[in-house]
Amino acid sequence: MVPAARIDGEGVIKALSPRLAIILLAAALLLYPLVLSGAFYRDVGVAFLLAAISASAWNIVGGYAGQVSVGHSMFFGLGAYTPLLFYSLWGWPPIAGIPAGIALSIGLSLLIGMPTFRLTGHYFSMATIAVAELIRIFTGTWDFVGAAIGLQGPAIARGWWDLTFRSEVPYYYLFLAVLALLLAVTTFIERRRFGFYLRAIKASERAARSLGVPVRRTKMQALALSAAFTSVAGSLYVIKTGFIDPDSAFGILISVQMVIVAALGGAGTLFGPLVGALILIPLQSATNTWFGGGGSGLTYILYGGIIVLIARFEPGGLFELWQRVAPALHKLLRKRLHV
C-alpha cells in the first residue's frame, strides 16, 4: 500500500502547478482593491497595473525579440497627448482619441523602425533615446499641444464617457482588463510562428536569417504591436490623471522604467513584467511617501542600482532565477512529504 503521507505529498506538489499559480494570481488581482480598500493601497495598485501594461508592451519587442528600445516613451506620449487633443480641439471625450493615438504610434513605429533596425545592440538603443528626446523637446515648444504647459482634460465629468471617477476602483479594473488582454495577446504570440521568429532573432539574427526568418519584417511587426499597446498605456495614464506635459509624457524615465520593470522580472517571459512591477512599484511608492516630494530623485538612484545588480548577478531576471531554484525546491518538497 502507498503511505497516506506520500499520497498527500503528491497532491500538494501537483497543486503547485503553473495553472493553479495563474488562477491564484488572477484571484489576488481581482480581490486586491476590495481587501485593501485604503486610498494609498488602491493608488499603488493602479500604478502597478499601469507599469505592468507598459513593461509587457515593451516586452514584445525588447524582451522576446531582444531589440532593447530605450525610447518607448515616444509611443506612451502619443497615446497620452492624442485623447486630450481630441478634448481640447473638439470637446470630444478623451476615450475617443485612443484609436487615433494607436494609429499615430504604429505609424511612428514604422517610420522609426525602417532606419533604426539597420542598427544593432546599443546603437539601436541610443537611436531610440535620441528620437524620444527630440520629440520631447519639440513638443515642449509647440503651442498647438500646449508647449511646456501641456494639456488638461475635463475637470468635471460630463458623463460616464469622460471616465472621470472619484474612486480608484473603476480605474483599477479598467487597467486590469487591458492587462489581461495584453497577456492574452502575448500568450497567443508565444505559441505561434511569430513568437518563434522573435525568439530566433533574439538568439542570433544572422542564424535566423539563414533559416529563412524574415528578420526585418518580423521586427517591424513586433515594434508596431509593442507601440500600439504602449500607446494604450499612455492613454490610460492621461484618462486617470487628466493632465499631461512633455516631461510626464516623453520623459526618459518613463522608457527606463519599462526596461527596468521587464528586466527585473524577466524580459522575454510572459509574467516577468508583472513580477518586476510587483516589486518595483510598491518600493518606488514607499520611498516617495517616506521622503515626501524629495523622494522622486531617489527613483533614479533606485533604477541605477537595479540595473547594476541585474547586469552583474542575474541578467535573466527573477523569473529565470526562479526557474533554476524551483526544481531544487520541488525535489526538497518531495523528500519532506514522502517521509
C-alpha atoms as a PDB file:
ATOM      1  CA  MET A   1       0.000   0.000   0.000  1.00  0.00           C
ATOM      2  CA  VAL A   2       1.098   3.573  -0.677  1.00  0.00           C
ATOM      3  CA  PRO A   3       1.547   5.618   2.521  1.00  0.00           C
ATOM      4  CA  ALA A   4      -1.071   8.287   3.086  1.00  0.00           C
ATOM      5  CA  ALA A   5       1.668  10.889   3.588  1.00  0.00           C
ATOM      6  CA  ARG A   6       3.006  10.120   0.121  1.00  0.00           C
ATOM      7  CA  ILE A   7      -0.429  10.465  -1.476  1.00  0.00           C
ATOM      8  CA  ASP A   8      -0.964  13.790   0.277  1.00  0.00           C
ATOM      9  CA  GLY A   9       2.508  14.922  -0.758  1.00  0.00           C
ATOM     10  CA  GLU A  10       1.850  14.121  -4.418  1.00  0.00           C
ATOM     11  CA  GLY A  11      -1.388  16.091  -4.217  1.00  0.00           C
ATOM     12  CA  VAL A  12       0.364  19.122  -2.773  1.00  0.00           C
ATOM     13  CA  ILE A  13       3.091  19.003  -5.414  1.00  0.00           C
ATOM     14  CA  LYS A  14       0.567  18.709  -8.233  1.00  0.00           C
ATOM     15  CA  ALA A  15      -1.362  21.592  -6.712  1.00  0.00           C
ATOM     16  CA  LEU A  16       1.702  23.788  -7.127  1.00  0.00           C
ATOM     17  CA  SER A  17       1.229  23.785 -10.895  1.00  0.00           C
ATOM     18  CA  PRO A  18       1.606  26.826 -13.147  1.00  0.00           C
ATOM     19  CA  ARG A  19      -2.120  26.740 -13.919  1.00  0.00           C
ATOM     20  CA  LEU A  20      -3.008  26.981 -10.240  1.00  0.00           C
ATOM     21  CA  ALA A  21      -0.484  29.796  -9.793  1.00  0.00           C
ATOM     22  CA  ILE A  22      -2.177  31.721 -12.609  1.00  0.00           C
ATOM     23  CA  ILE A  23      -5.594  31.202 -11.021  1.00  0.00           C
ATOM     24  CA  LEU A  24      -4.320  32.397  -7.643  1.00  0.00           C
ATOM     25  CA  LEU A  25      -2.683  35.433  -9.271  1.00  0.00           C
ATOM     26  CA  ALA A  26      -5.904  36.330 -11.100  1.00  0.00           C
ATOM     27  CA  ALA A  27      -7.920  35.963  -7.896  1.00  0.00           C
ATOM     28  CA  ALA A  28      -5.454  38.136  -5.976  1.00  0.00           C
ATOM     29  CA  LEU A  29      -5.599  40.876  -8.615  1.00  0.00           C
ATOM     30  CA  LEU A  30      -9.393  40.806  -8.710  1.00  0.00           C
ATOM     31  CA  LEU A  31      -9.768  40.973  -4.925  1.00  0.00           C
ATOM     32  CA  TYR A  32      -6.942  43.417  -4.213  1.00  0.00           C
ATOM     33  CA  PRO A  33      -8.940  46.703  -4.188  1.00  0.00           C
ATOM     34  CA  LEU A  34     -11.696  45.052  -2.162  1.00  0.00           C
ATOM     35  CA  VAL A  35      -9.380  43.677   0.513  1.00  0.00           C
ATOM     36  CA  LEU A  36      -7.028  46.671   0.702  1.00  0.00           C
ATOM     37  CA  SER A  37      -9.535  49.479   0.497  1.00  0.00           C
ATOM     38  CA  GLY A  38      -7.285  52.331   1.621  1.00  0.00           C
ATOM     39  CA  ALA A  39      -6.687  55.149  -0.868  1.00  0.00           C
ATOM     40  CA  PHE A  40      -2.904  54.658  -0.761  1.00  0.00           C
ATOM     41  CA  TYR A  41      -3.107  50.909  -1.474  1.00  0.00           C
ATOM     42  CA  ARG A  42      -5.547  51.404  -4.321  1.00  0.00           C
ATOM     43  CA  ASP A  43      -3.326  54.079  -5.842  1.00  0.00           C
ATOM     44  CA  VAL A  44      -0.355  51.713  -5.648  1.00  0.00           C
ATOM     45  CA  GLY A  45      -2.465  49.004  -7.285  1.00  0.00           C
ATOM     46  CA  VAL A  46      -3.354  51.265 -10.214  1.00  0.00           C
ATOM     47  CA  ALA A  47       0.289  52.327 -10.602  1.00  0.00           C
ATOM     48  CA  PHE A  48       1.331  48.657 -10.535  1.00  0.00           C
ATOM     49  CA  LEU A  49      -1.111  47.746 -13.308  1.00  0.00           C
ATOM     50  CA  LEU A  50      -0.033  50.692 -15.465  1.00  0.00           C
ATOM     51  CA  ALA A  51       3.639  49.756 -15.053  1.00  0.00           C
ATOM     52  CA  ALA A  52       2.844  46.117 -15.848  1.00  0.00           C
ATOM     53  CA  ILE A  53       0.960  47.125 -19.018  1.00  0.00           C
ATOM     54  CA  SER A  54       3.789  49.410 -20.190  1.00  0.00           C
ATOM     55  CA  ALA A  55       6.508  46.857 -19.447  1.00  0.00           C
ATOM     56  CA  SER A  56       4.540  43.999 -21.036  1.00  0.00           C
ATOM     57  CA  ALA A  57       4.060  46.117 -24.160  1.00  0.00           C
ATOM     58  CA  TRP A  58       7.788  46.896 -24.279  1.00  0.00           C
ATOM     59  CA  ASN A  59       8.491  43.201 -23.635  1.00  0.00           C
ATOM     60  CA  ILE A  60       7.098  42.197 -27.040  1.00  0.00           C
ATOM     61  CA  VAL A  61       9.943  43.866 -28.915  1.00  0.00           C
ATOM     62  CA  GLY A  62      12.527  44.355 -26.167  1.00  0.00           C
ATOM     63  CA  GLY A  63      12.146  41.022 -24.382  1.00  0.00           C
ATOM     64  CA  TYR A  64      11.080  38.464 -26.966  1.00  0.00           C
ATOM     65  CA  ALA A  65      12.908  39.979 -29.965  1.00  0.00           C
ATOM     66  CA  GLY A  66      15.858  41.350 -27.991  1.00  0.00           C
ATOM     67  CA  GLN A  67      15.575  44.834 -29.566  1.00  0.00           C
ATOM     68  CA  VAL A  68      16.189  46.979 -26.482  1.00  0.00           C
ATOM     69  CA  SER A  69      14.394  50.251 -27.094  1.00  0.00           C
ATOM     70  CA  VAL A  70      15.007  52.968 -24.505  1.00  0.00           C
ATOM     71  CA  GLY A  71      12.754  55.416 -26.317  1.00  0.00           C
ATOM     72  CA  HIS A  72       9.347  53.822 -25.887  1.00  0.00           C
ATOM     73  CA  SER A  73       8.162  56.980 -24.152  1.00  0.00           C
ATOM     74  CA  MET A  74       7.554  58.372 -27.657  1.00  0.00           C
ATOM     75  CA  PHE A  75       4.637  55.929 -28.062  1.00  0.00           C
ATOM     76  CA  PHE A  76       3.482  56.437 -24.481  1.00  0.00           C
ATOM     77  CA  GLY A  77       3.438  60.186 -25.058  1.00  0.00           C
ATOM     78  CA  LEU A  78       1.495  59.959 -28.310  1.00  0.00           C
ATOM     79  CA  GLY A  79      -1.104  57.842 -26.595  1.00  0.00           C
ATOM     80  CA  ALA A  80      -1.303  60.384 -23.772  1.00  0.00           C
ATOM     81  CA  TYR A  81      -1.486  63.562 -25.861  1.00  0.00           C
ATOM     82  CA  THR A  82      -3.960  62.431 -28.515  1.00  0.00           C
ATOM     83  CA  PRO A  83      -7.003  61.890 -26.227  1.00  0.00           C
ATOM     84  CA  LEU A  84      -6.575  65.321 -24.647  1.00  0.00           C
ATOM     85  CA  LEU A  85      -6.136  66.905 -28.074  1.00  0.00           C
ATOM     86  CA  PHE A  86      -9.496  65.479 -29.086  1.00  0.00           C
ATOM     87  CA  TYR A  87     -10.992  67.039 -25.980  1.00  0.00           C
ATOM     88  CA  SER A  88      -9.311  70.445 -26.257  1.00  0.00           C
ATOM     89  CA  LEU A  89      -9.977  70.853 -30.006  1.00  0.00           C
ATOM     90  CA  TRP A  90     -13.470  69.442 -30.395  1.00  0.00           C
ATOM     91  CA  GLY A  91     -14.725  68.743 -26.878  1.00  0.00           C
ATOM     92  CA  TRP A  92     -14.865  65.006 -27.526  1.00  0.00           C
ATOM     93  CA  PRO A  93     -14.423  62.599 -24.603  1.00  0.00           C
ATOM     94  CA  PRO A  94     -10.743  61.656 -24.252  1.00  0.00           C
ATOM     95  CA  ILE A  95     -11.528  57.992 -24.826  1.00  0.00           C
ATOM     96  CA  ALA A  96     -12.415  58.855 -28.443  1.00  0.00           C
ATOM     97  CA  GLY A  97      -8.783  59.758 -29.102  1.00  0.00           C
ATOM     98  CA  ILE A  98      -7.372  56.366 -28.101  1.00  0.00           C
ATOM     99  CA  PRO A  99      -7.699  54.770 -31.590  1.00  0.00           C
ATOM    100  CA  ALA A 100      -6.060  57.819 -33.155  1.00  0.00           C
ATOM    101  CA  GLY A 101      -3.211  57.578 -30.654  1.00  0.00           C
ATOM    102  CA  ILE A 102      -2.741  53.911 -31.526  1.00  0.00           C
ATOM    103  CA  ALA A 103      -2.690  54.708 -35.254  1.00  0.00           C
ATOM    104  CA  LEU A 104      -0.162  57.519 -34.785  1.00  0.00           C
ATOM    105  CA  SER A 105       2.062  55.284 -32.644  1.00  0.00           C
ATOM    106  CA  ILE A 106       2.009  52.481 -35.201  1.00  0.00           C
ATOM    107  CA  GLY A 107       2.825  54.971 -37.964  1.00  0.00           C
ATOM    108  CA  LEU A 108       5.693  56.396 -35.930  1.00  0.00           C
ATOM    109  CA  SER A 109       6.994  52.893 -35.159  1.00  0.00           C
ATOM    110  CA  LEU A 110       7.142  52.092 -38.876  1.00  0.00           C
ATOM    111  CA  LEU A 111       8.813  55.408 -39.617  1.00  0.00           C
ATOM    112  CA  ILE A 112      11.378  54.905 -36.848  1.00  0.00           C
ATOM    113  CA  GLY A 113      11.879  51.184 -37.415  1.00  0.00           C
ATOM    114  CA  MET A 114      12.890  51.387 -41.075  1.00  0.00           C
ATOM    115  CA  PRO A 115      16.178  53.235 -40.425  1.00  0.00           C
ATOM    116  CA  THR A 116      16.920  52.216 -36.816  1.00  0.00           C
ATOM    117  CA  PHE A 117      16.556  48.460 -37.336  1.00  0.00           C
ATOM    118  CA  ARG A 118      19.633  48.667 -39.525  1.00  0.00           C
ATOM    119  CA  LEU A 119      21.474  49.265 -36.251  1.00  0.00           C
ATOM    120  CA  THR A 120      22.177  46.582 -33.667  1.00  0.00           C
ATOM    121  CA  GLY A 121      22.975  46.387 -29.975  1.00  0.00           C
ATOM    122  CA  HIS A 122      23.481  49.601 -28.055  1.00  0.00           C
ATOM    123  CA  TYR A 123      23.452  51.645 -31.265  1.00  0.00           C
ATOM    124  CA  PHE A 124      19.762  50.839 -31.697  1.00  0.00           C
ATOM    125  CA  SER A 125      19.088  51.767 -28.062  1.00  0.00           C
ATOM    126  CA  MET A 126      20.902  55.090 -28.458  1.00  0.00           C
ATOM    127  CA  ALA A 127      18.939  55.880 -31.624  1.00  0.00           C
ATOM    128  CA  THR A 128      15.597  55.323 -29.866  1.00  0.00           C
ATOM    129  CA  ILE A 129      16.678  57.578 -26.974  1.00  0.00           C
ATOM    130  CA  ALA A 130      17.611  60.324 -29.441  1.00  0.00           C
ATOM    131  CA  VAL A 131      14.259  60.153 -31.252  1.00  0.00           C
ATOM    132  CA  ALA A 132      12.269  60.227 -27.994  1.00  0.00           C
ATOM    133  CA  GLU A 133      14.256  63.207 -26.709  1.00  0.00           C
ATOM    134  CA  LEU A 134      13.789  65.102 -29.968  1.00  0.00           C
ATOM    135  CA  ILE A 135      10.036  64.571 -29.764  1.00  0.00           C
ATOM    136  CA  ARG A 136      10.010  65.720 -26.120  1.00  0.00           C
ATOM    137  CA  ILE A 137      11.903  68.918 -26.930  1.00  0.00           C
ATOM    138  CA  PHE A 138       9.752  69.649 -29.974  1.00  0.00           C
ATOM    139  CA  THR A 139       6.532  69.081 -28.010  1.00  0.00           C
ATOM    140  CA  GLY A 140       7.723  71.482 -25.311  1.00  0.00           C
ATOM    141  CA  THR A 141       7.939  74.295 -27.880  1.00  0.00           C
ATOM    142  CA  TRP A 142       4.790  73.557 -29.913  1.00  0.00           C
ATOM    143  CA  ASP A 143       1.875  75.783 -28.911  1.00  0.00           C
ATOM    144  CA  PHE A 144      -0.649  73.550 -30.678  1.00  0.00           C
ATOM    145  CA  VAL A 145      -0.161  70.902 -27.965  1.00  0.00           C
ATOM    146  CA  GLY A 146       0.237  73.349 -25.083  1.00  0.00           C
ATOM    147  CA  ALA A 147       4.029  73.658 -25.328  1.00  0.00           C
ATOM    148  CA  ALA A 148       5.716  73.308 -21.909  1.00  0.00           C
ATOM    149  CA  ILE A 149       2.419  73.812 -20.055  1.00  0.00           C
ATOM    150  CA  GLY A 150       0.779  70.732 -21.541  1.00  0.00           C
ATOM    151  CA  LEU A 151      -2.879  69.817 -21.901  1.00  0.00           C
ATOM    152  CA  GLN A 152      -5.667  69.254 -19.405  1.00  0.00           C
ATOM    153  CA  GLY A 153      -8.753  67.071 -19.647  1.00  0.00           C
ATOM    154  CA  PRO A 154     -12.276  67.642 -18.331  1.00  0.00           C
ATOM    155  CA  ALA A 155     -12.141  68.803 -14.710  1.00  0.00           C
ATOM    156  CA  ILE A 156     -15.705  67.606 -14.034  1.00  0.00           C
ATOM    157  CA  ALA A 157     -17.250  64.569 -15.662  1.00  0.00           C
ATOM    158  CA  ARG A 158     -19.890  65.454 -18.260  1.00  0.00           C
ATOM    159  CA  GLY A 159     -20.952  61.826 -18.318  1.00  0.00           C
ATOM    160  CA  TRP A 160     -19.625  58.317 -17.825  1.00  0.00           C
ATOM    161  CA  TRP A 161     -17.859  58.545 -21.200  1.00  0.00           C
ATOM    162  CA  ASP A 162     -15.328  61.009 -19.764  1.00  0.00           C
ATOM    163  CA  LEU A 163     -14.146  58.225 -17.416  1.00  0.00           C
ATOM    164  CA  THR A 164     -13.624  60.727 -14.601  1.00  0.00           C
ATOM    165  CA  PHE A 165     -14.159  58.896 -11.305  1.00  0.00           C
ATOM    166  CA  ARG A 166     -13.557  59.906  -7.728  1.00  0.00           C
ATOM    167  CA  SER A 167     -12.635  56.383  -6.690  1.00  0.00           C
ATOM    168  CA  GLU A 168      -9.588  54.455  -7.880  1.00  0.00           C
ATOM    169  CA  VAL A 169     -11.584  51.225  -8.189  1.00  0.00           C
ATOM    170  CA  PRO A 170     -13.040  51.815 -11.701  1.00  0.00           C
ATOM    171  CA  TYR A 171      -9.588  52.742 -12.993  1.00  0.00           C
ATOM    172  CA  TYR A 172      -8.127  49.649 -11.350  1.00  0.00           C
ATOM    173  CA  TYR A 173     -10.495  47.243 -13.078  1.00  0.00           C
ATOM    174  CA  LEU A 174     -10.209  49.101 -16.388  1.00  0.00           C
ATOM    175  CA  PHE A 175      -6.423  48.785 -16.251  1.00  0.00           C
ATOM    176  CA  LEU A 176      -6.731  45.150 -15.173  1.00  0.00           C
ATOM    177  CA  ALA A 177      -8.907  44.358 -18.208  1.00  0.00           C
ATOM    178  CA  VAL A 178      -6.335  45.922 -20.557  1.00  0.00           C
ATOM    179  CA  LEU A 179      -3.533  43.970 -18.867  1.00  0.00           C
ATOM    180  CA  ALA A 180      -5.487  40.718 -19.253  1.00  0.00           C
ATOM    181  CA  LEU A 181      -5.990  41.456 -22.959  1.00  0.00           C
ATOM    182  CA  LEU A 182      -2.296  42.210 -23.440  1.00  0.00           C
ATOM    183  CA  LEU A 183      -1.254  38.997 -21.674  1.00  0.00           C
ATOM    184  CA  ALA A 184      -3.720  37.026 -23.818  1.00  0.00           C
ATOM    185  CA  VAL A 185      -2.219  38.542 -26.986  1.00  0.00           C
ATOM    186  CA  THR A 186       1.297  37.800 -25.745  1.00  0.00           C
ATOM    187  CA  THR A 187       0.335  34.200 -24.956  1.00  0.00           C
ATOM    188  CA  PHE A 188      -1.102  33.852 -28.463  1.00  0.00           C
ATOM    189  CA  ILE A 189       2.139  35.212 -29.937  1.00  0.00           C
ATOM    190  CA  GLU A 190       4.286  32.866 -27.852  1.00  0.00           C
ATOM    191  CA  ARG A 191       2.576  29.799 -29.263  1.00  0.00           C
ATOM    192  CA  ARG A 192       2.588  30.862 -32.914  1.00  0.00           C
ATOM    193  CA  ARG A 193       5.249  31.025 -35.593  1.00  0.00           C
ATOM    194  CA  PHE A 194       5.655  34.729 -34.986  1.00  0.00           C
ATOM    195  CA  GLY A 195       6.763  34.051 -31.408  1.00  0.00           C
ATOM    196  CA  PHE A 196       9.344  31.507 -32.555  1.00  0.00           C
ATOM    197  CA  TYR A 197      10.616  34.037 -35.079  1.00  0.00           C
ATOM    198  CA  LEU A 198      11.056  36.616 -32.311  1.00  0.00           C
ATOM    199  CA  ARG A 199      12.999  34.222 -30.097  1.00  0.00           C
ATOM    200  CA  ALA A 200      15.177  33.148 -33.032  1.00  0.00           C
ATOM    201  CA  ILE A 201      16.000  36.783 -33.789  1.00  0.00           C
ATOM    202  CA  LYS A 202      16.890  37.376 -30.152  1.00  0.00           C
ATOM    203  CA  ALA A 203      19.228  34.371 -30.145  1.00  0.00           C
ATOM    204  CA  SER A 204      21.000  35.307 -33.399  1.00  0.00           C
ATOM    205  CA  GLU A 205      19.769  37.476 -36.246  1.00  0.00           C
ATOM    206  CA  ARG A 206      22.302  36.012 -38.652  1.00  0.00           C
ATOM    207  CA  ALA A 207      21.300  32.428 -37.844  1.00  0.00           C
ATOM    208  CA  ALA A 208      17.599  33.302 -38.014  1.00  0.00           C
ATOM    209  CA  ARG A 209      18.046  34.922 -41.432  1.00  0.00           C
ATOM    210  CA  SER A 210      19.937  31.887 -42.717  1.00  0.00           C
ATOM    211  CA  LEU A 211      16.998  29.691 -41.672  1.00  0.00           C
ATOM    212  CA  GLY A 212      14.540  31.782 -43.675  1.00  0.00           C
ATOM    213  CA  VAL A 213      13.158  34.023 -40.937  1.00  0.00           C
ATOM    214  CA  PRO A 214      12.033  37.404 -42.361  1.00  0.00           C
ATOM    215  CA  VAL A 215      14.045  39.276 -39.754  1.00  0.00           C
ATOM    216  CA  ARG A 216      13.336  42.869 -40.674  1.00  0.00           C
ATOM    217  CA  ARG A 217       9.611  42.369 -41.267  1.00  0.00           C
ATOM    218  CA  THR A 218       9.244  40.450 -38.004  1.00  0.00           C
ATOM    219  CA  LYS A 219      10.996  43.176 -36.034  1.00  0.00           C
ATOM    220  CA  MET A 220       8.836  45.841 -37.634  1.00  0.00           C
ATOM    221  CA  GLN A 221       5.672  43.914 -36.755  1.00  0.00           C
ATOM    222  CA  ALA A 222       6.846  43.422 -33.180  1.00  0.00           C
ATOM    223  CA  LEU A 223       7.664  47.118 -32.814  1.00  0.00           C
ATOM    224  CA  ALA A 224       4.275  48.145 -34.245  1.00  0.00           C
ATOM    225  CA  LEU A 225       2.391  45.830 -31.872  1.00  0.00           C
ATOM    226  CA  SER A 226       4.500  46.995 -28.943  1.00  0.00           C
ATOM    227  CA  ALA A 227       3.917  50.645 -29.881  1.00  0.00           C
ATOM    228  CA  ALA A 228       0.155  50.110 -30.069  1.00  0.00           C
ATOM    229  CA  PHE A 229      -0.110  48.737 -26.538  1.00  0.00           C
ATOM    230  CA  THR A 230       2.349  51.302 -25.188  1.00  0.00           C
ATOM    231  CA  SER A 231       0.116  53.994 -26.670  1.00  0.00           C
ATOM    232  CA  VAL A 232      -2.862  52.462 -24.849  1.00  0.00           C
ATOM    233  CA  ALA A 233      -0.862  52.646 -21.607  1.00  0.00           C
ATOM    234  CA  GLY A 234      -0.273  56.356 -22.199  1.00  0.00           C
ATOM    235  CA  SER A 235      -3.982  56.890 -22.878  1.00  0.00           C
ATOM    236  CA  LEU A 236      -4.929  55.098 -19.670  1.00  0.00           C
ATOM    237  CA  TYR A 237      -2.475  57.234 -17.736  1.00  0.00           C
ATOM    238  CA  VAL A 238      -3.879  60.506 -19.048  1.00  0.00           C
ATOM    239  CA  ILE A 239      -7.507  59.430 -18.622  1.00  0.00           C
ATOM    240  CA  LYS A 240      -6.800  58.835 -14.946  1.00  0.00           C
ATOM    241  CA  THR A 241      -4.665  61.920 -14.268  1.00  0.00           C
ATOM    242  CA  GLY A 242      -6.474  64.313 -16.630  1.00  0.00           C
ATOM    243  CA  PHE A 243      -3.242  66.184 -17.399  1.00  0.00           C
ATOM    244  CA  ILE A 244      -0.112  65.731 -19.485  1.00  0.00           C
ATOM    245  CA  ASP A 245       3.035  67.716 -20.254  1.00  0.00           C
ATOM    246  CA  PRO A 246       6.189  66.900 -22.247  1.00  0.00           C
ATOM    247  CA  ASP A 247       8.161  65.509 -19.292  1.00  0.00           C
ATOM    248  CA  SER A 248       5.390  63.285 -17.948  1.00  0.00           C
ATOM    249  CA  ALA A 249       4.652  62.003 -21.471  1.00  0.00           C
ATOM    250  CA  PHE A 250       8.025  61.725 -23.222  1.00  0.00           C
ATOM    251  CA  GLY A 251      10.496  61.796 -20.314  1.00  0.00           C
ATOM    252  CA  ILE A 252      13.315  59.270 -20.475  1.00  0.00           C
ATOM    253  CA  LEU A 253      12.431  57.946 -17.025  1.00  0.00           C
ATOM    254  CA  ILE A 254       9.217  56.515 -18.494  1.00  0.00           C
ATOM    255  CA  SER A 255      11.202  54.453 -21.007  1.00  0.00           C
ATOM    256  CA  VAL A 256      13.753  53.422 -18.395  1.00  0.00           C
ATOM    257  CA  GLN A 257      11.002  52.228 -16.062  1.00  0.00           C
ATOM    258  CA  MET A 258       9.598  49.946 -18.782  1.00  0.00           C
ATOM    259  CA  VAL A 259      13.022  48.422 -19.353  1.00  0.00           C
ATOM    260  CA  ILE A 260      13.807  48.006 -15.651  1.00  0.00           C
ATOM    261  CA  VAL A 261      10.431  46.502 -14.742  1.00  0.00           C
ATOM    262  CA  ALA A 262      10.655  43.933 -17.546  1.00  0.00           C
ATOM    263  CA  ALA A 263      14.337  43.142 -16.917  1.00  0.00           C
ATOM    264  CA  LEU A 264      13.873  42.812 -13.154  1.00  0.00           C
ATOM    265  CA  GLY A 265      11.094  40.274 -13.502  1.00  0.00           C
ATOM    266  CA  GLY A 266      12.432  38.563 -16.594  1.00  0.00           C
ATOM    267  CA  ALA A 267      12.458  40.048 -20.101  1.00  0.00           C
ATOM    268  CA  GLY A 268      11.129  37.699 -22.747  1.00  0.00           C
ATOM    269  CA  THR A 269       8.767  35.902 -20.354  1.00  0.00           C
ATOM    270  CA  LEU A 270       5.025  36.276 -20.038  1.00  0.00           C
ATOM    271  CA  PHE A 271       4.831  37.146 -16.351  1.00  0.00           C
ATOM    272  CA  GLY A 272       8.266  38.714 -15.949  1.00  0.00           C
ATOM    273  CA  PRO A 273       6.964  42.303 -16.253  1.00  0.00           C
ATOM    274  CA  LEU A 274       4.292  41.571 -13.623  1.00  0.00           C
ATOM    275  CA  VAL A 275       6.903  40.285 -11.194  1.00  0.00           C
ATOM    276  CA  GLY A 276       9.090  43.323 -11.810  1.00  0.00           C
ATOM    277  CA  ALA A 277       6.188  45.734 -11.351  1.00  0.00           C
ATOM    278  CA  LEU A 278       5.081  43.925  -8.200  1.00  0.00           C
ATOM    279  CA  ILE A 279       8.482  44.595  -6.633  1.00  0.00           C
ATOM    280  CA  LEU A 280       9.478  47.947  -8.092  1.00  0.00           C
ATOM    281  CA  ILE A 281       6.258  49.982  -7.948  1.00  0.00           C
ATOM    282  CA  PRO A 282       5.471  49.458  -4.234  1.00  0.00           C
ATOM    283  CA  LEU A 283       9.138  50.150  -3.449  1.00  0.00           C
ATOM    284  CA  GLN A 284       9.077  53.336  -5.507  1.00  0.00           C
ATOM    285  CA  SER A 285       5.789  54.473  -3.923  1.00  0.00           C
ATOM    286  CA  ALA A 286       7.156  53.779  -0.453  1.00  0.00           C
ATOM    287  CA  THR A 287      10.315  55.830  -0.998  1.00  0.00           C
ATOM    288  CA  ASN A 288       8.288  58.730  -2.384  1.00  0.00           C
ATOM    289  CA  THR A 289       5.967  58.553   0.628  1.00  0.00           C
ATOM    290  CA  TRP A 290       8.752  58.322   3.200  1.00  0.00           C
ATOM    291  CA  PHE A 291      10.684  61.246   1.763  1.00  0.00           C
ATOM    292  CA  GLY A 292       7.730  63.337   0.562  1.00  0.00           C
ATOM    293  CA  GLY A 293       8.248  65.265  -2.652  1.00  0.00           C
ATOM    294  CA  GLY A 294      12.025  64.870  -2.318  1.00  0.00           C
ATOM    295  CA  GLY A 295      11.744  61.130  -2.828  1.00  0.00           C
ATOM    296  CA  SER A 296      11.392  61.478  -6.589  1.00  0.00           C
ATOM    297  CA  GLY A 297      15.139  61.890  -7.021  1.00  0.00           C
ATOM    298  CA  LEU A 298      15.712  58.545  -5.327  1.00  0.00           C
ATOM    299  CA  THR A 299      13.920  56.893  -8.249  1.00  0.00           C
ATOM    300  CA  TYR A 300      16.962  57.469 -10.453  1.00  0.00           C
ATOM    301  CA  ILE A 301      19.271  56.010  -7.804  1.00  0.00           C
ATOM    302  CA  LEU A 302      16.937  53.051  -7.364  1.00  0.00           C
ATOM    303  CA  TYR A 303      16.774  52.353 -11.090  1.00  0.00           C
ATOM    304  CA  GLY A 304      20.537  52.694 -11.463  1.00  0.00           C
ATOM    305  CA  GLY A 305      21.163  50.266  -8.620  1.00  0.00           C
ATOM    306  CA  ILE A 306      18.745  47.720 -10.077  1.00  0.00           C
ATOM    307  CA  ILE A 307      20.433  47.952 -13.485  1.00  0.00           C
ATOM    308  CA  VAL A 308      23.823  47.215 -11.910  1.00  0.00           C
ATOM    309  CA  LEU A 309      22.506  44.288  -9.856  1.00  0.00           C
ATOM    310  CA  ILE A 310      20.662  42.704 -12.776  1.00  0.00           C
ATOM    311  CA  ALA A 311      23.621  43.078 -15.143  1.00  0.00           C
ATOM    312  CA  ARG A 312      26.057  41.687 -12.577  1.00  0.00           C
ATOM    313  CA  PHE A 313      24.191  38.842 -10.904  1.00  0.00           C
ATOM    314  CA  GLU A 314      21.034  37.864 -12.798  1.00  0.00           C
ATOM    315  CA  PRO A 315      20.754  39.059 -16.434  1.00  0.00           C
ATOM    316  CA  GLY A 316      17.732  36.810 -16.943  1.00  0.00           C
ATOM    317  CA  GLY A 317      15.748  38.452 -14.154  1.00  0.00           C
ATOM    318  CA  LEU A 318      13.923  36.987 -11.185  1.00  0.00           C
ATOM    319  CA  PHE A 319      11.776  34.711 -13.353  1.00  0.00           C
ATOM    320  CA  GLU A 320      14.843  32.924 -14.702  1.00  0.00           C
ATOM    321  CA  LEU A 321      16.251  32.706 -11.173  1.00  0.00           C
ATOM    322  CA  TRP A 322      13.030  31.053 -10.034  1.00  0.00           C
ATOM    323  CA  GLN A 323      13.233  28.528 -12.895  1.00  0.00           C
ATOM    324  CA  ARG A 324      16.646  27.464 -11.611  1.00  0.00           C
ATOM    325  CA  VAL A 325      15.642  27.364  -7.963  1.00  0.00           C
ATOM    326  CA  ALA A 326      12.199  25.764  -8.425  1.00  0.00           C
ATOM    327  CA  PRO A 327      13.444  22.236  -9.331  1.00  0.00           C
ATOM    328  CA  ALA A 328      15.557  22.106  -6.170  1.00  0.00           C
ATOM    329  CA  LEU A 329      12.637  23.281  -4.054  1.00  0.00           C
ATOM    330  CA  HIS A 330      10.379  20.773  -5.775  1.00  0.00           C
ATOM    331  CA  LYS A 331      12.822  17.965  -5.042  1.00  0.00           C
ATOM    332  CA  LEU A 332      13.202  19.046  -1.410  1.00  0.00           C
ATOM    333  CA  LEU A 333       9.423  19.220  -1.009  1.00  0.00           C
ATOM    334  CA  ARG A 334       9.002  15.728  -2.401  1.00  0.00           C
ATOM    335  CA  LYS A 335      11.551  14.361   0.067  1.00  0.00           C
ATOM    336  CA  ARG A 336       9.918  16.067   3.020  1.00  0.00           C
ATOM    337  CA  LEU A 337       6.393  14.996   2.117  1.00  0.00           C
ATOM    338  CA  HIS A 338       7.334  11.413   1.354  1.00  0.00           C
ATOM    339  CA  VAL A 339       8.970  10.875   4.695  1.00  0.00           C
END
